C-alpha atoms as a PDB file:
ATOM      1  CA  UNK A   1      -0.246  31.615  -1.244  1.00  0.00           C
ATOM      2  CA  UNK A   2      -3.005  30.241  -2.982  1.00  0.00           C
ATOM      3  CA  UNK A   3      -1.823  26.369  -2.037  1.00  0.00           C
ATOM      4  CA  UNK A   4      -1.967  27.238   1.864  1.00  0.00           C
ATOM      5  CA  UNK A   5      -5.538  28.407   1.096  1.00  0.00           C
ATOM      6  CA  UNK A   6      -6.394  25.586  -0.773  1.00  0.00           C
ATOM      7  CA  UNK A   7      -5.398  23.050   1.750  1.00  0.00           C
ATOM      8  CA  UNK A   8      -6.931  25.503   4.537  1.00  0.00           C
ATOM      9  CA  UNK A   9     -10.368  25.593   2.826  1.00  0.00           C
ATOM     10  CA  UNK A  10     -10.159  21.913   1.432  1.00  0.00           C
ATOM     11  CA  UNK A  11      -8.713  20.280   4.320  1.00  0.00           C
ATOM     12  CA  UNK A  12     -10.868  17.472   4.343  1.00  0.00           C
ATOM     13  CA  UNK A  13      -9.869  16.632   0.620  1.00  0.00           C
ATOM     14  CA  UNK A  14      -6.123  16.661   1.163  1.00  0.00           C
ATOM     15  CA  UNK A  15      -6.844  14.861   4.452  1.00  0.00           C
ATOM     16  CA  UNK A  16      -8.129  12.075   2.774  1.00  0.00           C
ATOM     17  CA  UNK A  17      -6.034  12.062  -0.223  1.00  0.00           C
ATOM     18  CA  UNK A  18      -2.853  11.599   2.280  1.00  0.00           C
ATOM     19  CA  UNK A  19      -5.044   8.343   3.636  1.00  0.00           C
ATOM     20  CA  UNK A  20      -5.568   6.862   0.272  1.00  0.00           C
ATOM     21  CA  UNK A  21      -1.748   7.280  -0.792  1.00  0.00           C
ATOM     22  CA  UNK A  22      -0.719   6.106   2.400  1.00  0.00           C
ATOM     23  CA  UNK A  23      -3.135   2.844   2.111  1.00  0.00           C
ATOM     24  CA  UNK A  24      -2.157   2.340  -1.235  1.00  0.00           C
ATOM     25  CA  UNK A  25       1.994   2.385  -0.154  1.00  0.00           C
ATOM     26  CA  UNK A  26       1.331   0.111   2.357  1.00  0.00           C
ATOM     27  CA  UNK A  27      -0.848  -2.593   0.343  1.00  0.00           C
ATOM     28  CA  UNK A  28       2.080  -2.339  -2.666  1.00  0.00           C
ATOM     29  CA  UNK A  29       5.115  -2.676   0.092  1.00  0.00           C
ATOM     30  CA  UNK A  30       2.811  -5.926   1.430  1.00  0.00           C
ATOM     31  CA  UNK A  31       2.082  -7.683  -1.522  1.00  0.00           C
ATOM     32  CA  UNK A  32       5.376  -8.067  -2.591  1.00  0.00           C
ATOM     33  CA  UNK A  33       6.438  -9.465   0.424  1.00  0.00           C
ATOM     34  CA  UNK A  34       6.968  -8.376   4.064  1.00  0.00           C
ATOM     35  CA  UNK A  35       9.910  -7.288   4.896  1.00  0.00           C
ATOM     36  CA  UNK A  36      11.391  -9.005   8.083  1.00  0.00           C
ATOM     37  CA  UNK A  37      14.415  -7.773  10.287  1.00  0.00           C
ATOM     38  CA  UNK A  38      17.874 -10.178  10.111  1.00  0.00           C
ATOM     39  CA  UNK A  39      16.378 -11.835  13.975  1.00  0.00           C
ATOM     40  CA  UNK A  40      13.362 -13.328  12.301  1.00  0.00           C
ATOM     41  CA  UNK A  41      15.301 -14.013   9.419  1.00  0.00           C
ATOM     42  CA  UNK A  42      17.233 -16.516  11.259  1.00  0.00           C
ATOM     43  CA  UNK A  43      14.626 -17.997  12.794  1.00  0.00           C
ATOM     44  CA  UNK A  44      12.499 -18.977  10.187  1.00  0.00           C
ATOM     45  CA  UNK A  45      15.440 -20.231   8.574  1.00  0.00           C
ATOM     46  CA  UNK A  46      16.005 -22.499  11.485  1.00  0.00           C
ATOM     47  CA  UNK A  47      12.377 -23.595  10.538  1.00  0.00           C
ATOM     48  CA  UNK A  48      12.895 -24.746   7.447  1.00  0.00           C
ATOM     49  CA  UNK A  49      12.646 -21.398   5.337  1.00  0.00           C
ATOM     50  CA  UNK A  50      14.293 -20.654   2.240  1.00  0.00           C
ATOM     51  CA  UNK A  51      16.657 -17.917   1.498  1.00  0.00           C
ATOM     52  CA  UNK A  52      16.472 -16.955  -2.293  1.00  0.00           C
ATOM     53  CA  UNK A  53      19.569 -14.715  -3.269  1.00  0.00           C
ATOM     54  CA  UNK A  54      18.887 -12.424  -6.198  1.00  0.00           C
ATOM     55  CA  UNK A  55      22.291 -10.774  -6.737  1.00  0.00           C
ATOM     56  CA  UNK A  56      24.300 -11.834  -9.599  1.00  0.00           C
ATOM     57  CA  UNK A  57      26.231 -14.819  -9.628  1.00  0.00           C
ATOM     58  CA  UNK A  58      29.447 -13.048  -8.829  1.00  0.00           C
ATOM     59  CA  UNK A  59      28.085 -11.557  -5.724  1.00  0.00           C
ATOM     60  CA  UNK A  60      26.589 -14.589  -4.542  1.00  0.00           C
ATOM     61  CA  UNK A  61      30.266 -16.188  -4.930  1.00  0.00           C
ATOM     62  CA  UNK A  62      31.869 -13.423  -3.017  1.00  0.00           C
ATOM     63  CA  UNK A  63      29.498 -14.275   0.034  1.00  0.00           C
ATOM     64  CA  UNK A  64      26.506 -15.588   0.670  1.00  0.00           C
ATOM     65  CA  UNK A  65      23.986 -16.745   3.630  1.00  0.00           C
ATOM     66  CA  UNK A  66      24.386 -20.183   4.538  1.00  0.00           C
ATOM     67  CA  UNK A  67      22.169 -22.210   2.480  1.00  0.00           C
ATOM     68  CA  UNK A  68      21.020 -19.634   0.227  1.00  0.00           C
ATOM     69  CA  UNK A  69      19.895 -20.658  -3.267  1.00  0.00           C
ATOM     70  CA  UNK A  70      21.203 -18.146  -6.192  1.00  0.00           C
ATOM     71  CA  UNK A  71      18.899 -17.095  -8.863  1.00  0.00           C
ATOM     72  CA  UNK A  72      19.929 -13.723  -9.955  1.00  0.00           C
ATOM     73  CA  UNK A  73      17.307 -10.986 -10.557  1.00  0.00           C
ATOM     74  CA  UNK A  74      17.470 -10.979 -14.306  1.00  0.00           C
ATOM     75  CA  UNK A  75      16.736 -14.412 -14.824  1.00  0.00           C
ATOM     76  CA  UNK A  76      13.985 -14.794 -12.037  1.00  0.00           C
ATOM     77  CA  UNK A  77      11.692 -15.023 -15.013  1.00  0.00           C
ATOM     78  CA  UNK A  78      12.874 -18.140 -16.778  1.00  0.00           C
ATOM     79  CA  UNK A  79      13.975 -20.029 -13.277  1.00  0.00           C
ATOM     80  CA  UNK A  80      10.518 -19.432 -11.199  1.00  0.00           C
ATOM     81  CA  UNK A  81       9.534 -22.778 -12.560  1.00  0.00           C
ATOM     82  CA  UNK A  82      12.554 -24.494 -10.284  1.00  0.00           C
ATOM     83  CA  UNK A  83      11.061 -22.973  -7.162  1.00  0.00           C
ATOM     84  CA  UNK A  84       7.684 -24.900  -7.136  1.00  0.00           C
ATOM     85  CA  UNK A  85       9.512 -27.734  -5.134  1.00  0.00           C
ATOM     86  CA  UNK A  86       9.555 -25.149  -2.025  1.00  0.00           C
ATOM     87  CA  UNK A  87       5.906 -23.884  -2.684  1.00  0.00           C
ATOM     88  CA  UNK A  88       4.570 -25.021   0.862  1.00  0.00           C
ATOM     89  CA  UNK A  89       7.761 -23.119   2.625  1.00  0.00           C
ATOM     90  CA  UNK A  90       8.416 -19.453   3.476  1.00  0.00           C
ATOM     91  CA  UNK A  91      10.443 -17.888   0.775  1.00  0.00           C
ATOM     92  CA  UNK A  92      13.061 -14.881   1.995  1.00  0.00           C
ATOM     93  CA  UNK A  93      14.399 -13.132  -0.708  1.00  0.00           C
ATOM     94  CA  UNK A  94      17.454 -11.448  -0.490  1.00  0.00           C
ATOM     95  CA  UNK A  95      19.680  -8.943  -2.440  1.00  0.00           C
ATOM     96  CA  UNK A  96      22.245  -6.781  -2.231  1.00  0.00           C
ATOM     97  CA  UNK A  97      20.458  -3.269  -0.768  1.00  0.00           C
ATOM     98  CA  UNK A  98      16.426  -4.075  -1.001  1.00  0.00           C
ATOM     99  CA  UNK A  99      16.168  -2.244  -4.655  1.00  0.00           C
ATOM    100  CA  UNK A 100      14.924  -5.758  -6.438  1.00  0.00           C
ATOM    101  CA  UNK A 101      13.449  -7.824  -3.748  1.00  0.00           C
ATOM    102  CA  UNK A 102       9.993  -6.154  -3.733  1.00  0.00           C
ATOM    103  CA  UNK A 103       9.610  -7.084  -7.537  1.00  0.00           C
ATOM    104  CA  UNK A 104      10.864 -10.873  -7.240  1.00  0.00           C
ATOM    105  CA  UNK A 105       8.585 -10.767  -3.943  1.00  0.00           C
ATOM    106  CA  UNK A 106       5.428  -9.976  -6.335  1.00  0.00           C
ATOM    107  CA  UNK A 107       6.477 -12.434  -8.714  1.00  0.00           C
ATOM    108  CA  UNK A 108       6.911 -15.319  -6.431  1.00  0.00           C
ATOM    109  CA  UNK A 109       3.267 -13.873  -4.709  1.00  0.00           C
ATOM    110  CA  UNK A 110       1.642 -14.381  -7.710  1.00  0.00           C
ATOM    111  CA  UNK A 111       2.606 -17.959  -8.348  1.00  0.00           C
ATOM    112  CA  UNK A 112       1.382 -18.949  -4.952  1.00  0.00           C
ATOM    113  CA  UNK A 113       4.352 -18.383  -2.697  1.00  0.00           C
ATOM    114  CA  UNK A 114       4.580 -17.086   0.756  1.00  0.00           C
ATOM    115  CA  UNK A 115       7.095 -14.523   0.478  1.00  0.00           C
ATOM    116  CA  UNK A 116       9.258 -12.362   3.078  1.00  0.00           C
ATOM    117  CA  UNK A 117      12.050  -9.882   1.911  1.00  0.00           C
ATOM    118  CA  UNK A 118      15.231  -9.740   3.998  1.00  0.00           C
ATOM    119  CA  UNK A 119      15.144  -6.123   5.241  1.00  0.00           C
ATOM    120  CA  UNK A 120      18.085  -3.726   4.359  1.00  0.00           C
ATOM    121  CA  UNK A 121      19.514  -7.001   2.160  1.00  0.00           C
ATOM    122  CA  UNK A 122      23.153  -8.545   2.615  1.00  0.00           C
ATOM    123  CA  UNK A 123      24.452  -5.075   3.483  1.00  0.00           C
ATOM    124  CA  UNK A 124      22.300  -5.034   6.402  1.00  0.00           C
ATOM    125  CA  UNK A 125      23.092  -8.672   7.039  1.00  0.00           C
ATOM    126  CA  UNK A 126      27.001  -7.667   6.835  1.00  0.00           C
ATOM    127  CA  UNK A 127      26.336  -4.595   9.039  1.00  0.00           C
ATOM    128  CA  UNK A 128      24.965  -6.580  11.629  1.00  0.00           C
ATOM    129  CA  UNK A 129      28.473  -8.632  11.129  1.00  0.00           C
ATOM    130  CA  UNK A 130      26.723 -11.761  10.538  1.00  0.00           C
ATOM    131  CA  UNK A 131      28.460 -14.288   8.821  1.00  0.00           C
ATOM    132  CA  UNK A 132      28.654 -15.120   5.220  1.00  0.00           C
ATOM    133  CA  UNK A 133      29.996 -17.912   3.046  1.00  0.00           C
ATOM    134  CA  UNK A 134      32.126 -18.310   0.474  1.00  0.00           C
END
């Protein structure tokens, strides 16, 4: 009961807290690369973007998007220098479900890359019945 009384009496404070949490989460999401839907991924790839697949090598070999570069998530900091050749291009980060793409996107963004994230990862790509190559 005290909680609801507090919220009723301090509605301005509670409202400000909610807005600050929303702004913080929005900024953190953007810092790691804006998530983009599949139709935008295909458009960007057709216009010269680079797809970085951060799944492990076995998953990548089992099926990946045409033209994707594979750098496993665990090796991204060691291999980041190899991505410098793609500095002027949009880099789309894809993983299995979207769990690692944000961290990789943030790392690449700090290096000055223009980063986007495949919303839903490769699982979403497959759910849309889009092709993967082996």
